[in-house]
Amino acid sequence: MEAGNRGADDVGAPTVGLNVFLPHEQWPNIYVTPHLCFNFHYLTIRKMHFLIRAKALAIFPGGFGTLDELFEALTLMQTGRMKKIPILIFGKEFWNNVINFDYLSTQGMISPSDVDLFTFVNTAEQAFEVIRSFYKLG
């Protein structure tokens, strides 16, 4: 989240931080607007708050927490419990080594249309184009 907060801070925009207290883990980053920093004790509540507000998700290579957030969003969109938003997965080569979505589809574990719930991108420009197209922006 720090990169997004920093980008907004660099142009003078307020930034929101949804921090969770974990053993040996993170503190809010320095780019979060202090009065917009919210601390959570439970991952589930934090995830709910950011998914309710999200207009797009940018997923970068990460560990279990990243996978949890990605699959929660995909499951909620797949089941109609969350409005569809762009899910931008950065680094197709990395993610194809982590999980083979096409294989899940061909094996009948997910519907072929489920792979349309996200888009692989490699650059911020590609991500912007996906968002611009999704929201039909100029």
N, C-alpha and C. Protein backbone atom coordinates (compact mmCIF):
# COMPACT_ATOMS: atom_id res chain seq x y z
N MET A 1 0.82 -1.20 0.00
CA MET A 1 0.00 0.00 0.00
C MET A 1 0.86 1.26 0.00
N GLU A 2 2.09 1.14 0.44
CA GLU A 2 2.91 2.34 0.57
C GLU A 2 3.10 3.06 -0.76
N ALA A 3 3.29 2.31 -1.84
CA ALA A 3 3.53 2.95 -3.14
C ALA A 3 2.34 3.81 -3.55
N GLY A 4 1.13 3.31 -3.36
CA GLY A 4 -0.06 4.10 -3.68
C GLY A 4 -0.18 5.32 -2.80
N ASN A 5 0.09 5.15 -1.50
CA ASN A 5 0.06 6.29 -0.59
C ASN A 5 1.10 7.34 -0.98
N ARG A 6 2.28 6.88 -1.34
CA ARG A 6 3.34 7.81 -1.71
C ARG A 6 2.98 8.57 -2.97
N GLY A 7 2.44 7.88 -3.96
CA GLY A 7 2.05 8.55 -5.20
C GLY A 7 1.03 9.64 -4.95
N ALA A 8 0.03 9.34 -4.14
CA ALA A 8 -0.98 10.35 -3.81
C ALA A 8 -0.36 11.49 -3.03
N ASP A 9 0.47 11.17 -2.07
CA ASP A 9 1.12 12.19 -1.25
C ASP A 9 2.01 13.10 -2.10
N ASP A 10 2.69 12.54 -3.07
CA ASP A 10 3.58 13.31 -3.95
C ASP A 10 2.84 14.41 -4.71
N VAL A 11 1.55 14.19 -4.99
CA VAL A 11 0.78 15.21 -5.70
C VAL A 11 -0.14 15.99 -4.77
N GLY A 12 0.06 15.82 -3.47
CA GLY A 12 -0.69 16.60 -2.49
C GLY A 12 -2.08 16.08 -2.17
N ALA A 13 -2.39 14.87 -2.58
CA ALA A 13 -3.71 14.30 -2.31
C ALA A 13 -3.70 13.61 -0.94
N PRO A 14 -4.84 13.63 -0.25
CA PRO A 14 -4.91 12.88 1.01
C PRO A 14 -4.84 11.38 0.73
N THR A 15 -4.29 10.64 1.67
CA THR A 15 -4.17 9.20 1.49
C THR A 15 -4.75 8.47 2.69
N VAL A 16 -5.40 7.36 2.40
CA VAL A 16 -6.03 6.55 3.44
C VAL A 16 -5.12 5.37 3.76
N GLY A 17 -5.04 5.03 5.03
CA GLY A 17 -4.29 3.86 5.45
C GLY A 17 -5.19 2.95 6.27
N LEU A 18 -5.26 1.68 5.87
CA LEU A 18 -6.02 0.68 6.61
C LEU A 18 -5.01 -0.33 7.16
N ASN A 19 -4.55 -0.07 8.34
CA ASN A 19 -3.47 -0.85 8.93
C ASN A 19 -4.03 -1.94 9.84
N VAL A 20 -3.33 -3.05 9.87
CA VAL A 20 -3.70 -4.12 10.79
C VAL A 20 -2.49 -4.41 11.67
N PHE A 21 -2.74 -4.57 12.94
CA PHE A 21 -1.66 -4.88 13.87
C PHE A 21 -1.43 -6.39 13.88
N LEU A 22 -0.24 -6.78 13.49
CA LEU A 22 0.15 -8.19 13.47
C LEU A 22 1.47 -8.34 14.21
N PRO A 23 1.71 -9.49 14.78
CA PRO A 23 3.00 -9.71 15.43
C PRO A 23 4.14 -9.59 14.40
N HIS A 24 5.15 -8.85 14.73
CA HIS A 24 6.34 -8.69 13.89
C HIS A 24 6.01 -8.09 12.53
N GLU A 25 4.96 -7.31 12.46
CA GLU A 25 4.58 -6.80 11.15
C GLU A 25 4.44 -5.30 11.14
N GLN A 26 3.64 -4.83 10.25
CA GLN A 26 3.63 -3.47 9.78
C GLN A 26 3.09 -2.41 10.74
N TRP A 27 3.56 -1.22 10.47
CA TRP A 27 3.03 0.00 11.06
C TRP A 27 2.55 0.85 9.90
N PRO A 28 1.68 1.81 10.13
CA PRO A 28 1.25 2.68 9.03
C PRO A 28 2.47 3.35 8.39
N ASN A 29 2.45 3.47 7.07
CA ASN A 29 3.59 4.11 6.40
C ASN A 29 3.51 5.63 6.56
N ILE A 30 4.62 6.29 6.28
CA ILE A 30 4.73 7.73 6.56
C ILE A 30 3.91 8.59 5.60
N TYR A 31 3.35 8.01 4.54
CA TYR A 31 2.61 8.79 3.55
C TYR A 31 1.11 8.83 3.81
N VAL A 32 0.66 8.13 4.82
CA VAL A 32 -0.77 8.12 5.16
C VAL A 32 -1.13 9.44 5.85
N THR A 33 -2.22 10.06 5.40
CA THR A 33 -2.72 11.26 6.06
C THR A 33 -3.15 10.87 7.47
N PRO A 34 -2.56 11.50 8.51
CA PRO A 34 -2.80 11.03 9.88
C PRO A 34 -4.26 10.83 10.27
N HIS A 35 -5.14 11.76 9.92
CA HIS A 35 -6.54 11.59 10.34
C HIS A 35 -7.30 10.58 9.46
N LEU A 36 -6.62 10.04 8.45
CA LEU A 36 -7.22 9.02 7.59
C LEU A 36 -6.54 7.66 7.78
N CYS A 37 -5.90 7.49 8.92
CA CYS A 37 -5.25 6.23 9.24
C CYS A 37 -6.15 5.44 10.19
N PHE A 38 -6.56 4.28 9.76
CA PHE A 38 -7.46 3.44 10.55
C PHE A 38 -6.74 2.15 10.90
N ASN A 39 -6.78 1.78 12.15
CA ASN A 39 -6.09 0.58 12.62
C ASN A 39 -7.09 -0.51 12.97
N PHE A 40 -6.77 -1.71 12.56
CA PHE A 40 -7.64 -2.86 12.78
C PHE A 40 -6.87 -3.95 13.52
N HIS A 41 -7.59 -4.73 14.28
CA HIS A 41 -6.99 -5.88 14.95
C HIS A 41 -7.27 -7.17 14.18
N TYR A 42 -8.26 -7.14 13.29
CA TYR A 42 -8.64 -8.35 12.57
C TYR A 42 -8.53 -8.12 11.06
N LEU A 43 -7.87 -9.04 10.39
CA LEU A 43 -7.68 -8.94 8.95
C LEU A 43 -9.01 -8.90 8.21
N THR A 44 -9.97 -9.68 8.65
CA THR A 44 -11.27 -9.76 7.97
C THR A 44 -11.97 -8.41 7.94
N ILE A 45 -11.95 -7.70 9.05
CA ILE A 45 -12.62 -6.39 9.11
C ILE A 45 -11.88 -5.39 8.23
N ARG A 46 -10.56 -5.42 8.25
CA ARG A 46 -9.77 -4.52 7.40
C ARG A 46 -10.09 -4.78 5.93
N LYS A 47 -10.10 -6.05 5.56
CA LYS A 47 -10.37 -6.43 4.18
C LYS A 47 -11.76 -5.95 3.75
N MET A 48 -12.74 -6.13 4.62
CA MET A 48 -14.10 -5.69 4.32
C MET A 48 -14.12 -4.19 4.05
N HIS A 49 -13.43 -3.42 4.88
CA HIS A 49 -13.43 -1.96 4.72
C HIS A 49 -12.78 -1.54 3.41
N PHE A 50 -11.67 -2.17 3.03
CA PHE A 50 -11.07 -1.70 1.78
C PHE A 50 -11.82 -2.22 0.56
N LEU A 51 -12.42 -3.39 0.62
CA LEU A 51 -13.17 -3.87 -0.54
C LEU A 51 -14.46 -3.08 -0.76
N ILE A 52 -15.08 -2.63 0.30
CA ILE A 52 -16.29 -1.81 0.17
C ILE A 52 -15.98 -0.52 -0.57
N ARG A 53 -14.80 0.05 -0.34
CA ARG A 53 -14.45 1.35 -0.88
C ARG A 53 -13.66 1.30 -2.19
N ALA A 54 -13.13 0.15 -2.53
CA ALA A 54 -12.22 0.04 -3.68
C ALA A 54 -12.92 0.32 -5.00
N LYS A 55 -12.24 1.07 -5.84
CA LYS A 55 -12.69 1.30 -7.22
C LYS A 55 -11.89 0.44 -8.19
N ALA A 56 -10.77 -0.08 -7.72
CA ALA A 56 -9.91 -1.00 -8.47
C ALA A 56 -8.95 -1.63 -7.47
N LEU A 57 -8.43 -2.79 -7.81
CA LEU A 57 -7.41 -3.43 -6.98
C LEU A 57 -6.16 -3.63 -7.82
N ALA A 58 -5.03 -3.23 -7.27
CA ALA A 58 -3.73 -3.48 -7.88
C ALA A 58 -3.04 -4.54 -7.04
N ILE A 59 -2.79 -5.68 -7.64
CA ILE A 59 -2.20 -6.81 -6.93
C ILE A 59 -0.77 -7.00 -7.43
N PHE A 60 0.17 -6.89 -6.52
CA PHE A 60 1.58 -7.07 -6.85
C PHE A 60 2.07 -8.37 -6.22
N PRO A 61 3.20 -8.90 -6.70
CA PRO A 61 3.72 -10.12 -6.09
C PRO A 61 3.78 -10.00 -4.57
N GLY A 62 3.28 -11.03 -3.91
CA GLY A 62 3.23 -11.01 -2.45
C GLY A 62 3.02 -12.41 -1.91
N GLY A 63 2.77 -12.47 -0.63
CA GLY A 63 2.63 -13.74 0.06
C GLY A 63 1.19 -14.08 0.39
N PHE A 64 1.01 -14.74 1.52
CA PHE A 64 -0.31 -15.22 1.91
C PHE A 64 -1.34 -14.10 2.04
N GLY A 65 -0.93 -12.96 2.61
CA GLY A 65 -1.87 -11.85 2.77
C GLY A 65 -2.37 -11.34 1.43
N THR A 66 -1.46 -11.22 0.47
CA THR A 66 -1.84 -10.78 -0.88
C THR A 66 -2.78 -11.79 -1.52
N LEU A 67 -2.44 -13.08 -1.40
CA LEU A 67 -3.30 -14.12 -1.96
C LEU A 67 -4.68 -14.09 -1.32
N ASP A 68 -4.73 -13.91 -0.02
CA ASP A 68 -6.00 -13.85 0.70
C ASP A 68 -6.85 -12.70 0.18
N GLU A 69 -6.26 -11.53 0.03
CA GLU A 69 -7.01 -10.36 -0.45
C GLU A 69 -7.48 -10.57 -1.88
N LEU A 70 -6.61 -11.11 -2.73
CA LEU A 70 -6.98 -11.36 -4.12
C LEU A 70 -8.14 -12.34 -4.22
N PHE A 71 -8.03 -13.48 -3.54
CA PHE A 71 -9.06 -14.50 -3.66
C PHE A 71 -10.36 -14.10 -2.98
N GLU A 72 -10.29 -13.33 -1.93
CA GLU A 72 -11.52 -12.80 -1.31
C GLU A 72 -12.26 -11.93 -2.31
N ALA A 73 -11.54 -11.00 -2.95
CA ALA A 73 -12.18 -10.12 -3.93
C ALA A 73 -12.75 -10.92 -5.10
N LEU A 74 -11.97 -11.86 -5.63
CA LEU A 74 -12.45 -12.67 -6.75
C LEU A 74 -13.68 -13.48 -6.36
N THR A 75 -13.68 -14.08 -5.19
CA THR A 75 -14.82 -14.88 -4.74
C THR A 75 -16.05 -14.01 -4.56
N LEU A 76 -15.89 -12.84 -3.97
CA LEU A 76 -17.04 -11.95 -3.77
C LEU A 76 -17.60 -11.47 -5.10
N MET A 77 -16.74 -11.18 -6.06
CA MET A 77 -17.23 -10.76 -7.37
C MET A 77 -17.86 -11.94 -8.11
N GLN A 78 -17.24 -13.10 -8.04
CA GLN A 78 -17.75 -14.30 -8.71
C GLN A 78 -19.15 -14.66 -8.22
N THR A 79 -19.39 -14.48 -6.94
CA THR A 79 -20.68 -14.86 -6.36
C THR A 79 -21.69 -13.71 -6.31
N GLY A 80 -21.31 -12.56 -6.87
CA GLY A 80 -22.22 -11.42 -6.91
C GLY A 80 -22.38 -10.70 -5.58
N ARG A 81 -21.50 -10.95 -4.64
CA ARG A 81 -21.58 -10.29 -3.32
C ARG A 81 -20.85 -8.95 -3.31
N MET A 82 -20.13 -8.67 -4.38
CA MET A 82 -19.39 -7.42 -4.50
C MET A 82 -19.52 -6.94 -5.93
N LYS A 83 -19.65 -5.63 -6.09
CA LYS A 83 -19.72 -5.10 -7.45
C LYS A 83 -18.41 -5.37 -8.17
N LYS A 84 -18.49 -5.53 -9.47
CA LYS A 84 -17.27 -5.79 -10.23
C LYS A 84 -16.46 -4.51 -10.33
N ILE A 85 -15.18 -4.65 -10.10
CA ILE A 85 -14.21 -3.57 -10.24
C ILE A 85 -13.00 -4.15 -10.96
N PRO A 86 -12.18 -3.31 -11.57
CA PRO A 86 -10.97 -3.85 -12.19
C PRO A 86 -10.03 -4.45 -11.14
N ILE A 87 -9.60 -5.66 -11.39
CA ILE A 87 -8.56 -6.28 -10.58
C ILE A 87 -7.35 -6.41 -11.51
N LEU A 88 -6.32 -5.67 -11.19
CA LEU A 88 -5.12 -5.59 -12.01
C LEU A 88 -4.02 -6.39 -11.33
N ILE A 89 -3.60 -7.47 -11.98
CA ILE A 89 -2.58 -8.33 -11.41
C ILE A 89 -1.27 -8.04 -12.14
N PHE A 90 -0.34 -7.44 -11.41
CA PHE A 90 0.94 -7.04 -11.99
C PHE A 90 1.92 -8.22 -11.99
N GLY A 91 2.52 -8.46 -13.17
CA GLY A 91 3.56 -9.48 -13.27
C GLY A 91 3.04 -10.85 -13.62
N LYS A 92 2.58 -11.02 -14.85
CA LYS A 92 1.98 -12.29 -15.27
C LYS A 92 2.93 -13.48 -15.07
N GLU A 93 4.20 -13.29 -15.36
CA GLU A 93 5.15 -14.41 -15.21
C GLU A 93 5.21 -14.89 -13.76
N PHE A 94 5.28 -13.95 -12.82
CA PHE A 94 5.29 -14.33 -11.40
C PHE A 94 4.02 -15.09 -11.06
N TRP A 95 2.87 -14.52 -11.40
CA TRP A 95 1.60 -15.11 -10.98
C TRP A 95 1.33 -16.44 -11.66
N ASN A 96 1.77 -16.61 -12.90
CA ASN A 96 1.59 -17.91 -13.56
C ASN A 96 2.39 -19.01 -12.87
N ASN A 97 3.46 -18.65 -12.19
CA ASN A 97 4.21 -19.62 -11.40
C ASN A 97 3.56 -19.89 -10.06
N VAL A 98 2.74 -18.98 -9.60
CA VAL A 98 2.06 -19.14 -8.31
C VAL A 98 0.78 -19.95 -8.47
N ILE A 99 -0.01 -19.59 -9.47
CA ILE A 99 -1.29 -20.29 -9.68
C ILE A 99 -1.64 -20.27 -11.17
N ASN A 100 -2.09 -21.38 -11.66
CA ASN A 100 -2.44 -21.50 -13.06
C ASN A 100 -3.96 -21.39 -13.19
N PHE A 101 -4.43 -20.18 -13.44
CA PHE A 101 -5.87 -19.93 -13.54
C PHE A 101 -6.49 -20.68 -14.71
N ASP A 102 -5.76 -20.76 -15.84
CA ASP A 102 -6.29 -21.47 -17.00
C ASP A 102 -6.50 -22.95 -16.68
N TYR A 103 -5.57 -23.54 -15.94
CA TYR A 103 -5.71 -24.95 -15.56
C TYR A 103 -6.93 -25.15 -14.66
N LEU A 104 -7.14 -24.23 -13.72
CA LEU A 104 -8.34 -24.32 -12.88
C LEU A 104 -9.60 -24.32 -13.73
N SER A 105 -9.59 -23.49 -14.77
CA SER A 105 -10.75 -23.40 -15.66
C SER A 105 -10.93 -24.68 -16.47
N THR A 106 -9.85 -25.19 -17.07
CA THR A 106 -9.99 -26.40 -17.89
C THR A 106 -10.35 -27.62 -17.06
N GLN A 107 -10.01 -27.60 -15.78
CA GLN A 107 -10.36 -28.71 -14.89
C GLN A 107 -11.75 -28.55 -14.28
N GLY A 108 -12.43 -27.46 -14.61
CA GLY A 108 -13.78 -27.25 -14.11
C GLY A 108 -13.84 -26.75 -12.68
N MET A 109 -12.72 -26.30 -12.15
CA MET A 109 -12.70 -25.79 -10.77
C MET A 109 -13.25 -24.37 -10.68
N ILE A 110 -13.08 -23.62 -11.76
CA ILE A 110 -13.68 -22.30 -11.90
C ILE A 110 -14.30 -22.23 -13.28
N SER A 111 -15.23 -21.35 -13.46
CA SER A 111 -15.88 -21.17 -14.75
C SER A 111 -14.92 -20.46 -15.71
N PRO A 112 -14.99 -20.78 -17.00
CA PRO A 112 -14.13 -20.06 -17.95
C PRO A 112 -14.28 -18.54 -17.86
N SER A 113 -15.48 -18.07 -17.54
CA SER A 113 -15.69 -16.62 -17.43
C SER A 113 -15.02 -16.03 -16.19
N ASP A 114 -14.67 -16.85 -15.23
CA ASP A 114 -14.02 -16.34 -14.01
C ASP A 114 -12.66 -15.72 -14.30
N VAL A 115 -11.98 -16.19 -15.35
CA VAL A 115 -10.68 -15.60 -15.67
C VAL A 115 -10.83 -14.19 -16.24
N ASP A 116 -12.07 -13.79 -16.54
CA ASP A 116 -12.32 -12.42 -16.99
C ASP A 116 -12.50 -11.45 -15.82
N LEU A 117 -12.47 -11.96 -14.60
CA LEU A 117 -12.63 -11.10 -13.43
C LEU A 117 -11.37 -10.29 -13.13
N PHE A 118 -10.27 -10.60 -13.79
CA PHE A 118 -9.01 -9.89 -13.54
C PHE A 118 -8.26 -9.72 -14.85
N THR A 119 -7.28 -8.83 -14.82
CA THR A 119 -6.45 -8.56 -15.99
C THR A 119 -4.99 -8.55 -15.56
N PHE A 120 -4.16 -9.28 -16.28
CA PHE A 120 -2.72 -9.21 -16.04
C PHE A 120 -2.18 -7.94 -16.70
N VAL A 121 -1.35 -7.21 -15.99
CA VAL A 121 -0.68 -6.03 -16.53
C VAL A 121 0.77 -6.05 -16.05
N ASN A 122 1.59 -5.30 -16.77
CA ASN A 122 3.00 -5.20 -16.38
C ASN A 122 3.44 -3.77 -16.10
N THR A 123 2.62 -2.80 -16.50
CA THR A 123 3.01 -1.40 -16.31
C THR A 123 1.84 -0.60 -15.76
N ALA A 124 2.17 0.54 -15.17
CA ALA A 124 1.13 1.45 -14.68
C ALA A 124 0.28 1.96 -15.84
N GLU A 125 0.90 2.16 -17.00
CA GLU A 125 0.16 2.63 -18.16
C GLU A 125 -0.89 1.62 -18.60
N GLN A 126 -0.53 0.34 -18.61
CA GLN A 126 -1.50 -0.70 -18.94
C GLN A 126 -2.64 -0.72 -17.92
N ALA A 127 -2.29 -0.60 -16.66
CA ALA A 127 -3.31 -0.59 -15.61
C ALA A 127 -4.25 0.58 -15.78
N PHE A 128 -3.70 1.75 -16.08
CA PHE A 128 -4.53 2.94 -16.27
C PHE A 128 -5.50 2.74 -17.43
N GLU A 129 -5.03 2.13 -18.51
CA GLU A 129 -5.91 1.89 -19.66
C GLU A 129 -7.06 0.95 -19.31
N VAL A 130 -6.78 -0.07 -18.51
CA VAL A 130 -7.84 -1.00 -18.08
C VAL A 130 -8.88 -0.24 -17.24
N ILE A 131 -8.41 0.57 -16.32
CA ILE A 131 -9.33 1.35 -15.46
C ILE A 131 -10.11 2.35 -16.30
N ARG A 132 -9.41 3.06 -17.21
CA ARG A 132 -10.07 4.05 -18.07
C ARG A 132 -11.16 3.39 -18.90
N SER A 133 -10.87 2.24 -19.46
CA SER A 133 -11.84 1.52 -20.28
C SER A 133 -13.01 1.02 -19.43
N PHE A 134 -12.72 0.46 -18.27
CA PHE A 134 -13.76 -0.09 -17.39
C PHE A 134 -14.77 0.99 -17.00
N TYR A 135 -14.27 2.16 -16.65
CA TYR A 135 -15.14 3.25 -16.19
C TYR A 135 -15.53 4.21 -17.32
N LYS A 136 -15.13 3.87 -18.55
CA LYS A 136 -15.46 4.68 -19.73
C LYS A 136 -15.07 6.14 -19.52
N LEU A 137 -13.82 6.33 -19.13
CA LEU A 137 -13.29 7.68 -18.91
C LEU A 137 -12.66 8.18 -20.20
N GLY A 138 -12.93 9.42 -20.55
CA GLY A 138 -12.37 10.11 -21.72
C GLY A 138 -11.35 9.41 -22.40
